[in-house]
Amino acid sequence: MKKERSYMDSVHFNGRVWCAIMAVILIGIPFLECAIFRTTPDMRALLLGLIATAPMYWISLLNSGLQLDHTQLQAAIQQAATALATAIAGDCNGQYPAAAIEAYQQELTAAEAVNNKADD
């Protein structure tokens, strides 16, 4: 049975797959062309090309254990929760449509879920 992934997990997984594919292409294409044309690669040129392009793909392999600081997110969540607690539904000045308050609550819940997942 196939395991359902969350959106963030699926994006992360797909990013890792594409990073691996790009690594194979970056290294494999020069050697494939050499095999087709029955020649040897210019290792100096290949190395210089890899040094110029490969680092942008390395970062996704290196940041797996990266711990992010969520203090700004937590502060924004607290500020949003305070604003939501004081929001009044209505049509007068200083009041908000009920649908806007509900949408704001949904966004706050989503932000809290991101913050809680980051703490795992």
C-alpha atoms as a PDB file:
ATOM      1  CA  MET A   1       0.000   0.000   0.000  1.00  0.00           C
ATOM      2  CA  LYS A   2       1.364   3.405  -0.994  1.00  0.00           C
ATOM      3  CA  LYS A   3       2.095   5.765   1.886  1.00  0.00           C
ATOM      4  CA  GLU A   4       0.473   9.196   1.590  1.00  0.00           C
ATOM      5  CA  ARG A   5       2.960  12.037   1.981  1.00  0.00           C
ATOM      6  CA  SER A   6       2.174  15.548   3.084  1.00  0.00           C
ATOM      7  CA  TYR A   7       2.734  18.310   0.578  1.00  0.00           C
ATOM      8  CA  MET A   8       5.986  19.394   2.239  1.00  0.00           C
ATOM      9  CA  ASP A   9       7.283  15.813   2.374  1.00  0.00           C
ATOM     10  CA  SER A  10       6.432  15.223  -1.279  1.00  0.00           C
ATOM     11  CA  VAL A  11       8.141  18.454  -2.360  1.00  0.00           C
ATOM     12  CA  HIS A  12      11.212  17.516  -0.327  1.00  0.00           C
ATOM     13  CA  PHE A  13      11.253  13.994  -1.787  1.00  0.00           C
ATOM     14  CA  ASN A  14      10.822  15.259  -5.364  1.00  0.00           C
ATOM     15  CA  GLY A  15      13.572  17.823  -4.833  1.00  0.00           C
ATOM     16  CA  ARG A  16      15.957  15.115  -3.655  1.00  0.00           C
ATOM     17  CA  VAL A  17      15.099  12.931  -6.664  1.00  0.00           C
ATOM     18  CA  TRP A  18      15.698  15.775  -9.120  1.00  0.00           C
ATOM     19  CA  CYS A  19      18.936  16.706  -7.361  1.00  0.00           C
ATOM     20  CA  ALA A  20      20.196  13.127  -7.778  1.00  0.00           C
ATOM     21  CA  ILE A  21      19.142  13.112 -11.437  1.00  0.00           C
ATOM     22  CA  MET A  22      20.987  16.396 -12.039  1.00  0.00           C
ATOM     23  CA  ALA A  23      24.115  15.028 -10.350  1.00  0.00           C
ATOM     24  CA  VAL A  24      24.056  12.002 -12.671  1.00  0.00           C
ATOM     25  CA  ILE A  25      23.527  14.235 -15.698  1.00  0.00           C
ATOM     26  CA  LEU A  26      26.285  16.666 -14.717  1.00  0.00           C
ATOM     27  CA  ILE A  27      28.779  13.855 -14.375  1.00  0.00           C
ATOM     28  CA  GLY A  28      27.389  11.360 -16.882  1.00  0.00           C
ATOM     29  CA  ILE A  29      26.849  13.463 -20.000  1.00  0.00           C
ATOM     30  CA  PRO A  30      30.539  14.318 -20.567  1.00  0.00           C
ATOM     31  CA  PHE A  31      31.504  10.663 -20.242  1.00  0.00           C
ATOM     32  CA  LEU A  32      28.638   9.563 -22.472  1.00  0.00           C
ATOM     33  CA  GLU A  33      29.731  11.989 -25.175  1.00  0.00           C
ATOM     34  CA  CYS A  34      33.290  10.718 -24.887  1.00  0.00           C
ATOM     35  CA  ALA A  35      32.081   7.147 -25.295  1.00  0.00           C
ATOM     36  CA  ILE A  36      30.022   8.098 -28.359  1.00  0.00           C
ATOM     37  CA  PHE A  37      32.916   9.933 -30.029  1.00  0.00           C
ATOM     38  CA  ARG A  38      35.527   7.429 -28.782  1.00  0.00           C
ATOM     39  CA  THR A  39      37.707   9.974 -27.053  1.00  0.00           C
ATOM     40  CA  THR A  40      38.778  10.792 -23.519  1.00  0.00           C
ATOM     41  CA  PRO A  41      37.440  13.736 -21.537  1.00  0.00           C
ATOM     42  CA  ASP A  42      39.569  16.759 -20.796  1.00  0.00           C
ATOM     43  CA  MET A  43      39.638  16.235 -17.043  1.00  0.00           C
ATOM     44  CA  ARG A  44      40.784  19.783 -16.319  1.00  0.00           C
ATOM     45  CA  ALA A  45      37.849  21.269 -18.260  1.00  0.00           C
ATOM     46  CA  LEU A  46      35.437  18.769 -16.708  1.00  0.00           C
ATOM     47  CA  LEU A  47      36.659  19.609 -13.213  1.00  0.00           C
ATOM     48  CA  LEU A  48      36.393  23.353 -13.848  1.00  0.00           C
ATOM     49  CA  GLY A  49      32.868  22.917 -15.171  1.00  0.00           C
ATOM     50  CA  LEU A  50      31.836  20.840 -12.157  1.00  0.00           C
ATOM     51  CA  ILE A  51      33.358  23.352  -9.757  1.00  0.00           C
ATOM     52  CA  ALA A  52      31.332  26.091 -11.437  1.00  0.00           C
ATOM     53  CA  THR A  53      27.974  24.287 -11.459  1.00  0.00           C
ATOM     54  CA  ALA A  54      27.867  21.512  -8.873  1.00  0.00           C
ATOM     55  CA  PRO A  55      27.764  23.610  -5.663  1.00  0.00           C
ATOM     56  CA  MET A  56      24.206  24.726  -6.362  1.00  0.00           C
ATOM     57  CA  TYR A  57      23.131  21.080  -6.195  1.00  0.00           C
ATOM     58  CA  TRP A  58      25.257  20.190  -3.178  1.00  0.00           C
ATOM     59  CA  ILE A  59      23.291  22.449  -0.850  1.00  0.00           C
ATOM     60  CA  SER A  60      20.181  20.276  -1.067  1.00  0.00           C
ATOM     61  CA  LEU A  61      22.262  17.264  -0.066  1.00  0.00           C
ATOM     62  CA  LEU A  62      23.893  19.095   2.822  1.00  0.00           C
ATOM     63  CA  ASN A  63      20.871  20.806   4.393  1.00  0.00           C
ATOM     64  CA  SER A  64      19.023  17.652   5.448  1.00  0.00           C
ATOM     65  CA  GLY A  65      19.932  18.139   9.097  1.00  0.00           C
ATOM     66  CA  LEU A  66      19.661  21.940   9.018  1.00  0.00           C
ATOM     67  CA  GLN A  67      17.966  23.407  12.083  1.00  0.00           C
ATOM     68  CA  LEU A  68      16.134  26.647  11.424  1.00  0.00           C
ATOM     69  CA  ASP A  69      15.404  29.420  13.908  1.00  0.00           C
ATOM     70  CA  HIS A  70      11.636  29.907  14.130  1.00  0.00           C
ATOM     71  CA  THR A  71      11.594  32.797  16.594  1.00  0.00           C
ATOM     72  CA  GLN A  72      10.277  35.230  13.966  1.00  0.00           C
ATOM     73  CA  LEU A  73       7.567  32.762  12.935  1.00  0.00           C
ATOM     74  CA  GLN A  74       6.588  32.231  16.566  1.00  0.00           C
ATOM     75  CA  ALA A  75       6.435  36.002  17.137  1.00  0.00           C
ATOM     76  CA  ALA A  76       4.271  36.467  14.042  1.00  0.00           C
ATOM     77  CA  ILE A  77       1.959  33.660  15.186  1.00  0.00           C
ATOM     78  CA  GLN A  78       1.611  35.288  18.602  1.00  0.00           C
ATOM     79  CA  GLN A  79       0.885  38.666  17.013  1.00  0.00           C
ATOM     80  CA  ALA A  80      -1.674  37.109  14.666  1.00  0.00           C
ATOM     81  CA  ALA A  81      -3.344  35.257  17.545  1.00  0.00           C
ATOM     82  CA  THR A  82      -3.635  38.509  19.497  1.00  0.00           C
ATOM     83  CA  ALA A  83      -5.107  40.304  16.489  1.00  0.00           C
ATOM     84  CA  LEU A  84      -7.552  37.458  15.923  1.00  0.00           C
ATOM     85  CA  ALA A  85      -8.632  37.440  19.574  1.00  0.00           C
ATOM     86  CA  THR A  86      -9.492  41.151  19.386  1.00  0.00           C
ATOM     87  CA  ALA A  87     -11.165  41.019  15.956  1.00  0.00           C
ATOM     88  CA  ILE A  88     -14.887  41.699  15.968  1.00  0.00           C
ATOM     89  CA  ALA A  89     -17.159  40.526  13.172  1.00  0.00           C
ATOM     90  CA  GLY A  90     -19.500  43.125  11.760  1.00  0.00           C
ATOM     91  CA  ASP A  91     -20.083  45.863   9.189  1.00  0.00           C
ATOM     92  CA  CYS A  92     -19.067  48.926  11.218  1.00  0.00           C
ATOM     93  CA  ASN A  93     -15.729  50.745  11.293  1.00  0.00           C
ATOM     94  CA  GLY A  94     -13.048  48.668  12.975  1.00  0.00           C
ATOM     95  CA  GLN A  95     -14.986  45.453  12.430  1.00  0.00           C
ATOM     96  CA  TYR A  96     -14.235  42.680   9.954  1.00  0.00           C
ATOM     97  CA  PRO A  97     -16.393  40.431   7.782  1.00  0.00           C
ATOM     98  CA  ALA A  98     -16.951  37.049   9.428  1.00  0.00           C
ATOM     99  CA  ALA A  99     -15.503  35.315   6.352  1.00  0.00           C
ATOM    100  CA  ALA A 100     -12.276  37.344   6.712  1.00  0.00           C
ATOM    101  CA  ILE A 101     -11.937  36.353  10.369  1.00  0.00           C
ATOM    102  CA  GLU A 102     -12.518  32.709   9.467  1.00  0.00           C
ATOM    103  CA  ALA A 103      -9.911  32.846   6.661  1.00  0.00           C
ATOM    104  CA  TYR A 104      -7.451  34.522   9.033  1.00  0.00           C
ATOM    105  CA  GLN A 105      -8.052  31.732  11.558  1.00  0.00           C
ATOM    106  CA  GLN A 106      -7.346  29.112   8.897  1.00  0.00           C
ATOM    107  CA  GLU A 107      -4.075  30.820   7.939  1.00  0.00           C
ATOM    108  CA  LEU A 108      -3.091  31.078  11.597  1.00  0.00           C
ATOM    109  CA  THR A 109      -3.808  27.373  12.044  1.00  0.00           C
ATOM    110  CA  ALA A 110      -1.648  26.582   8.997  1.00  0.00           C
ATOM    111  CA  ALA A 111       1.205  28.702  10.362  1.00  0.00           C
ATOM    112  CA  GLU A 112       0.952  26.940  13.728  1.00  0.00           C
ATOM    113  CA  ALA A 113       1.080  23.568  11.972  1.00  0.00           C
ATOM    114  CA  VAL A 114       4.269  24.607  10.139  1.00  0.00           C
ATOM    115  CA  ASN A 115       5.797  25.801  13.396  1.00  0.00           C
ATOM    116  CA  ASN A 116       4.814  22.593  15.229  1.00  0.00           C
ATOM    117  CA  LYS A 117       6.174  20.402  12.411  1.00  0.00           C
ATOM    118  CA  ALA A 118       9.453  22.333  12.534  1.00  0.00           C
ATOM    119  CA  ASP A 119       9.724  21.539  16.232  1.00  0.00           C
ATOM    120  CA  ASP A 120       9.531  17.771  15.558  1.00  0.00           C
END
